[in-house]
Amino acid sequence: MIFSIILKDTSSVQRCDEKELEKLFNITYLPHLEYAHFYVETYLQKKCRKAHARGRIGDLAIWLGQLHAKELKERAIPDVTIQWMGEKKGYGVLANKAFKRWTFIGEYTGVVRRRRIMFPDLNDYCFMYPREWISLKAFTIDSEREGNFTRFINHGDCPNLESIGVFYDKMMHIMFRTIKDIAPGEELTYDYGDVYWDKREKAPELIYKK
């Protein structure tokens, strides 16, 4: 995979592979979900399987999983640039080409782990794993140190993307798709939700230059 990046205090586009991106941002690149423990994976597999058998997974989640099965399997990178957006926002993701409405952008990846309810152990890169009809236990997809390009997508009050749960490969996943036409050079954004802003503020990325 090749990524386009514009670093802080630069204006030129740098092309790099996964290893170079990992070094720049001090992260591990994950093209797919990983699980913090074998128990987490087997537990969620069991719960998702039961929920599907009992008809608790919505038709839209199932349909979207089928519709975008190829993209979810291939884990391709869309034509975008990861770019420094300023001290307040940190890094963001900009479109290099036009995207039509309802275009698949990518899956939110990271490490799926348990999260505490009483004493939240969240960070700016935690995305709640769908659980309402699966389990009473709470899980999160944590991409603070392990994730893909979607971890750089910022919040927008008038977003052009939506995050949505999809049922794919017998498990629930979170994917992004466009909800309006996007022009070249436009930043990709989605609504982080009220729960996010109630608990913490968006912190700028840390970057390690070569």
Foldseek 3Di string as FASTA:
>chain_A
DWAWEADPPGDDTDIDDQVVVCQFQVAHEDLAAAEPDPCVVVLQLVLLLVCVVVVNDDPVQAVVQVVCVVCSVVSDAAQWYWYQDDQQQATFIFHQAKDAAFAWHGFWYAYKDFADDVDGPDDLQWDWFDPPSRDPTTIIGGPLRYTHPVSRHEADPDAQKEWDWHQHPSGITITIGGHHMDGGGDTHHHHPDPVSVVPDGDGHGDTDDD
